[in-house]
Amino acid sequence: MESAQERFFMLSGAMILSAGVNRFDEPKRVNVALRAGIKTVVLLSGRLQISIGGDSAREVCGPTVLVIRSSADAARDQVFAANVPIRYLIVQMDESVLGSQTAAALDQSLEALATRGGTGARLASRPVGHALRALVAQITNCPIRGPERELYLCGKAMQLVAVAISSCISDAVCDANLASRDIERIRRARDILVATMSEPPSLEALAQQVGLNVRKLSAGFRSLYGASVFGFLQEYRLEQAYQLISTGEMSVSQAAFHVGYGAAHFATIFRKRFGVSPSRLR
């Protein structure tokens, strides 16, 4: 039995936001039109194959962000794996939203790192980083009601597209400037921080665990994740807390303790980061 849960928002005539979870009992092929503009797909979990304009299919596994840039309408073919829940958020921005100068600049930026389809469409993909996860959480658990809700979602959707494109470009530059062995060690350090976020090791201990000196670990983190080691950790903690509180899984005090903060300090930095008190998410 197929199942689907989707939330759909027409933010304007030229920008569409959707998010949800799909699951199919059998492999499911879906043929849909790709509109001219930019389509940003944040695949949080699941697996699918995608082909644009009749090109050979490529497999995508979550968590991955896809940025698809097309200057003309094209066909998009997708095959979803059986019995694998697909959790996603999609922002479609039509060509009219971009404007000619922005569209030309984006085409130039994506030219070197995106796969070009037979129709001229470009597709770039990267792992989902902490900044994108935070934006997805803020969109899917929007704390604002009333007529201003659409303004909030529109702003966050545009921010998500910008961060997705930026991550594709900066990750490609980073990959070129760091040795593959160092990238692996830096990513291992990131995994250690995530696993021990409530009681993380010191910077010196973390560097020793992954076989790097402190200077190289710090510089590599800034290149790979756009933040210092503990700047990244703070962002990750706050993102996790936002998710736990907004979904009702934990109270504010429980979430603060879970991610390694005292209640008073947590409320201050949470409000500074998200512009809203954590208690308002309940």
Protein backbone atom coordinates (compact mmCIF):
# COMPACT_ATOMS: atom_id res chain seq x y z
CA MET A 1 0.00 0.00 0.00
CA GLU A 2 1.44 3.35 -1.03
CA SER A 3 1.54 6.14 1.52
CA ALA A 4 2.15 9.85 1.17
CA GLN A 5 2.11 12.85 3.46
CA GLU A 6 2.76 16.19 1.77
CA ARG A 7 2.44 19.83 2.69
CA PHE A 8 2.19 22.15 -0.29
CA PHE A 9 2.55 25.94 -0.31
CA MET A 10 2.13 28.19 -3.36
CA LEU A 11 4.29 31.04 -2.09
CA SER A 12 3.68 33.03 -5.27
CA GLY A 13 2.73 32.27 -8.83
CA ALA A 14 6.39 31.61 -9.58
CA MET A 15 7.63 29.90 -6.40
CA ILE A 16 6.36 26.63 -4.93
CA LEU A 17 7.38 24.92 -1.69
CA SER A 18 6.48 21.34 -0.80
CA ALA A 19 7.61 18.92 1.89
CA GLY A 20 6.58 15.45 2.95
CA VAL A 21 7.18 11.72 3.16
CA ASN A 22 6.38 9.14 0.47
CA ARG A 23 6.68 5.36 0.49
CA PHE A 24 5.94 2.89 -2.32
CA ASP A 25 5.41 -0.88 -2.06
CA GLU A 26 6.98 -1.39 -5.49
CA PRO A 27 9.53 0.60 -7.51
CA LYS A 28 7.64 3.66 -8.71
CA ARG A 29 8.43 5.54 -11.93
CA VAL A 30 7.23 9.13 -12.11
CA ASN A 31 7.52 11.33 -15.21
CA VAL A 32 7.07 15.02 -14.51
CA ALA A 33 7.84 18.26 -16.32
CA LEU A 34 10.82 20.29 -15.12
CA ARG A 35 9.95 23.96 -15.35
CA ALA A 36 12.48 26.58 -16.40
CA GLY A 37 14.21 28.04 -13.36
CA ILE A 38 15.84 26.40 -10.33
CA LYS A 39 14.52 23.35 -8.53
CA THR A 40 16.16 22.60 -5.19
CA VAL A 41 15.45 19.18 -3.71
CA VAL A 42 16.59 18.38 -0.17
CA LEU A 43 16.39 14.58 0.11
CA LEU A 44 16.63 14.01 3.85
CA SER A 45 16.30 10.25 3.62
CA GLY A 46 15.51 7.62 1.02
CA ARG A 47 16.79 6.63 -2.39
CA LEU A 48 15.81 7.37 -5.99
CA GLN A 49 17.12 7.45 -9.54
CA ILE A 50 16.75 10.63 -11.56
CA SER A 51 17.17 11.42 -15.25
CA ILE A 52 16.67 14.76 -17.00
CA GLY A 53 15.87 15.11 -20.68
CA GLY A 54 16.40 11.42 -21.46
CA ASP A 55 19.97 11.30 -20.11
CA SER A 56 21.28 8.26 -18.24
CA ALA A 57 19.89 7.96 -14.72
CA ARG A 58 21.93 8.71 -11.62
CA GLU A 59 21.19 7.30 -8.18
CA VAL A 60 20.72 9.70 -5.29
CA CYS A 61 20.70 8.66 -1.64
CA GLY A 62 19.71 10.92 1.24
CA PRO A 63 20.75 13.07 2.94
CA THR A 64 21.58 14.89 -0.31
CA VAL A 65 20.66 18.24 -1.81
CA LEU A 66 20.05 18.47 -5.57
CA VAL A 67 20.17 21.78 -7.42
CA ILE A 68 18.66 21.53 -10.90
CA ARG A 69 19.02 24.57 -13.15
CA SER A 70 17.16 24.68 -16.46
CA SER A 71 16.65 27.64 -18.78
CA ALA A 72 13.81 25.84 -20.61
CA ASP A 73 11.14 23.29 -19.76
CA ALA A 74 12.41 19.69 -19.79
CA ALA A 75 11.27 16.17 -18.92
CA ARG A 76 12.28 14.68 -15.57
CA ASP A 77 12.12 10.94 -14.96
CA GLN A 78 12.35 9.54 -11.42
CA VAL A 79 12.31 5.99 -10.08
CA PHE A 80 11.65 5.56 -6.36
CA ALA A 81 12.91 2.46 -4.53
CA ALA A 82 10.38 0.07 -2.99
CA ASN A 83 9.68 0.18 0.76
CA VAL A 84 12.10 3.04 1.37
CA PRO A 85 10.50 6.16 2.91
CA ILE A 86 11.42 9.29 0.97
CA ARG A 87 11.58 12.38 3.20
CA TYR A 88 12.04 15.59 1.25
CA LEU A 89 11.63 19.33 0.90
CA ILE A 90 11.43 20.96 -2.55
CA VAL A 91 11.61 24.60 -3.64
CA GLN A 92 10.75 25.42 -7.26
CA MET A 93 11.69 28.94 -8.40
CA ASP A 94 10.62 29.88 -11.92
CA GLU A 95 12.84 31.76 -14.34
CA SER A 96 10.89 34.97 -13.73
CA VAL A 97 11.94 35.01 -10.06
CA LEU A 98 15.64 34.95 -10.93
CA GLY A 99 15.93 37.80 -13.39
CA SER A 100 18.31 37.71 -16.33
CA GLN A 101 21.45 38.89 -14.51
CA THR A 102 21.04 36.47 -11.60
CA ALA A 103 20.23 33.59 -13.96
CA ALA A 104 23.35 34.27 -16.04
CA ALA A 105 25.56 34.47 -12.94
CA LEU A 106 24.17 31.20 -11.58
CA ASP A 107 24.70 29.46 -14.90
CA GLN A 108 28.33 30.53 -14.85
CA SER A 109 28.82 29.37 -11.24
CA LEU A 110 27.23 25.98 -11.84
CA GLU A 111 28.88 25.38 -15.21
CA ALA A 112 32.05 23.73 -13.91
CA LEU A 113 30.57 21.51 -11.22
CA ALA A 114 27.14 20.42 -12.49
CA THR A 115 26.26 17.57 -14.82
CA ARG A 116 24.77 19.00 -18.02
CA GLY A 117 21.78 17.15 -19.44
CA GLY A 118 20.89 16.79 -23.10
CA THR A 119 18.39 19.64 -22.78
CA GLY A 120 21.00 21.97 -21.32
CA ALA A 121 19.75 21.48 -17.75
CA ARG A 122 22.43 21.34 -15.06
CA LEU A 123 22.28 19.11 -12.00
CA ALA A 124 24.59 19.49 -8.99
CA SER A 125 24.42 17.44 -5.79
CA ARG A 126 26.12 17.55 -2.40
CA PRO A 127 25.58 16.03 1.07
CA VAL A 128 23.12 18.00 3.19
CA GLY A 129 25.04 20.20 5.64
CA HIS A 130 24.01 21.55 9.02
CA ALA A 131 22.89 24.93 7.64
CA LEU A 132 20.46 23.29 5.22
CA ARG A 133 19.13 20.97 7.92
CA ALA A 134 18.46 23.97 10.14
CA LEU A 135 16.54 25.73 7.36
CA VAL A 136 14.48 22.62 6.64
CA ALA A 137 13.56 22.44 10.34
CA GLN A 138 12.59 26.12 10.40
CA ILE A 139 10.39 25.71 7.31
CA THR A 140 8.66 22.47 8.25
CA ASN A 141 8.09 23.64 11.83
CA CYS A 142 7.22 27.26 11.06
CA PRO A 143 6.48 29.05 14.36
CA ILE A 144 4.49 31.87 12.73
CA ARG A 145 0.75 31.87 12.06
CA GLY A 146 -1.48 34.33 10.26
CA PRO A 147 -0.90 36.31 7.06
CA GLU A 148 2.79 36.87 7.85
CA ARG A 149 3.40 33.11 7.65
CA GLU A 150 3.75 33.26 3.86
CA LEU A 151 6.37 36.01 4.13
CA TYR A 152 8.36 33.87 6.58
CA LEU A 153 8.18 30.77 4.36
CA CYS A 154 9.03 32.74 1.23
CA GLY A 155 12.12 34.23 2.87
CA LYS A 156 13.29 30.90 4.28
CA ALA A 157 12.70 29.14 0.95
CA MET A 158 14.84 31.68 -0.90
CA GLN A 159 17.51 31.41 1.80
CA LEU A 160 17.50 27.62 1.44
CA VAL A 161 18.04 27.85 -2.33
CA ALA A 162 20.93 30.29 -1.83
CA VAL A 163 22.58 28.09 0.81
CA ALA A 164 22.14 24.98 -1.36
CA ILE A 165 23.82 26.63 -4.36
CA SER A 166 26.57 28.08 -2.16
CA SER A 167 27.27 24.68 -0.58
CA CYS A 168 27.61 23.06 -4.00
CA ILE A 169 30.11 25.70 -5.08
CA SER A 170 32.12 25.94 -1.83
CA ASP A 171 32.31 22.16 -1.37
CA ALA A 172 33.71 21.79 -4.88
CA VAL A 173 36.40 24.39 -4.14
CA CYS A 174 37.15 22.76 -0.81
CA ASP A 175 37.48 19.32 -2.37
CA ALA A 176 40.06 20.74 -4.77
CA ASN A 177 42.12 22.41 -1.99
CA LEU A 178 42.20 19.62 0.62
CA ALA A 179 43.85 16.23 0.36
CA SER A 180 41.29 13.42 0.29
CA ARG A 181 42.85 11.85 3.40
CA ASP A 182 42.50 15.13 5.32
CA ILE A 183 38.87 15.52 4.19
CA GLU A 184 38.15 12.04 5.54
CA ARG A 185 39.74 12.92 8.89
CA ILE A 186 37.86 16.20 9.16
CA ARG A 187 34.57 14.43 8.43
CA ARG A 188 35.45 11.86 11.10
CA ALA A 189 36.00 14.73 13.55
CA ARG A 190 32.59 16.07 12.62
CA ASP A 191 31.02 12.67 13.32
CA ILE A 192 32.72 12.56 16.74
CA LEU A 193 31.33 15.99 17.62
CA VAL A 194 27.83 14.97 16.59
CA ALA A 195 28.00 11.73 18.61
CA THR A 196 29.31 13.52 21.72
CA MET A 197 27.54 16.89 21.37
CA SER A 198 26.43 17.05 25.02
CA GLU A 199 30.00 16.41 26.27
CA PRO A 200 32.39 17.02 23.36
CA PRO A 201 36.16 16.53 23.56
CA SER A 202 38.50 19.51 23.66
CA LEU A 203 39.87 20.80 20.38
CA GLU A 204 43.27 19.28 21.17
CA ALA A 205 41.76 15.88 22.06
CA LEU A 206 39.59 15.89 18.93
CA ALA A 207 42.57 16.67 16.70
CA GLN A 208 44.55 13.87 18.30
CA GLN A 209 41.70 11.38 17.82
CA VAL A 210 41.59 11.96 14.06
CA GLY A 211 45.33 12.31 13.49
CA LEU A 212 45.53 16.01 12.62
CA ASN A 213 47.13 18.96 14.35
CA VAL A 214 44.86 21.66 15.75
CA ARG A 215 45.73 24.20 13.05
CA LYS A 216 44.94 21.85 10.17
CA LEU A 217 41.73 20.62 11.80
CA SER A 218 40.53 24.19 12.42
CA ALA A 219 41.39 25.37 8.91
CA GLY A 220 39.85 22.27 7.36
CA PHE A 221 36.61 22.73 9.29
CA ARG A 222 36.31 26.30 8.05
CA SER A 223 36.90 25.15 4.48
CA LEU A 224 34.59 22.14 4.61
CA TYR A 225 31.77 23.44 6.83
CA GLY A 226 32.17 27.22 6.73
CA ALA A 227 32.55 27.49 10.51
CA SER A 228 35.03 26.92 13.30
CA VAL A 229 34.98 23.51 14.99
CA PHE A 230 32.87 24.69 17.91
CA GLY A 231 30.91 27.14 15.78
CA PHE A 232 29.77 24.11 13.80
CA LEU A 233 28.97 22.25 17.02
CA GLN A 234 26.85 25.11 18.36
CA GLU A 235 24.88 25.30 15.12
CA TYR A 236 24.31 21.55 15.14
CA ARG A 237 23.18 21.57 18.80
CA LEU A 238 20.72 24.40 18.18
CA GLU A 239 19.38 22.73 15.04
CA GLN A 240 18.76 19.50 16.96
CA ALA A 241 17.11 21.37 19.82
CA TYR A 242 14.85 23.26 17.40
CA GLN A 243 13.70 19.98 15.89
CA LEU A 244 13.09 18.31 19.28
CA ILE A 245 11.12 21.25 20.70
CA SER A 246 9.09 22.13 17.61
CA THR A 247 7.93 18.54 17.10
CA GLY A 248 6.97 18.17 20.77
CA GLU A 249 9.42 15.33 21.30
CA MET A 250 11.02 17.14 24.26
CA SER A 251 10.33 20.09 26.51
CA VAL A 252 12.60 23.13 26.33
CA SER A 253 14.58 22.09 29.42
CA GLN A 254 14.88 18.49 28.21
CA ALA A 255 16.12 19.60 24.79
CA ALA A 256 18.64 22.00 26.35
CA PHE A 257 20.06 19.22 28.53
CA HIS A 258 20.06 16.75 25.63
CA VAL A 259 22.25 18.98 23.47
CA GLY A 260 24.52 20.05 26.31
CA TYR A 261 23.30 23.48 27.47
CA GLY A 262 22.07 24.96 30.72
CA ALA A 263 18.51 26.27 30.48
CA ALA A 264 19.27 30.01 30.90
CA HIS A 265 22.18 30.11 28.43
CA PHE A 266 20.25 27.94 25.99
CA ALA A 267 17.28 30.33 25.84
CA THR A 268 19.60 33.26 25.10
CA ILE A 269 21.58 31.69 22.26
CA PHE A 270 18.47 30.02 20.81
CA ARG A 271 16.67 33.37 20.57
CA LYS A 272 19.77 34.97 19.08
CA ARG A 273 20.07 32.24 16.44
CA PHE A 274 16.42 31.76 15.41
CA GLY A 275 14.86 35.08 16.41
CA VAL A 276 12.24 33.38 18.57
CA SER A 277 12.15 32.10 22.14
CA PRO A 278 12.29 28.28 22.38
CA SER A 279 9.12 28.30 24.48
CA ARG A 280 7.18 29.80 21.54
CA LEU A 281 7.77 26.65 19.49
CA ARG A 282 5.72 24.52 21.86
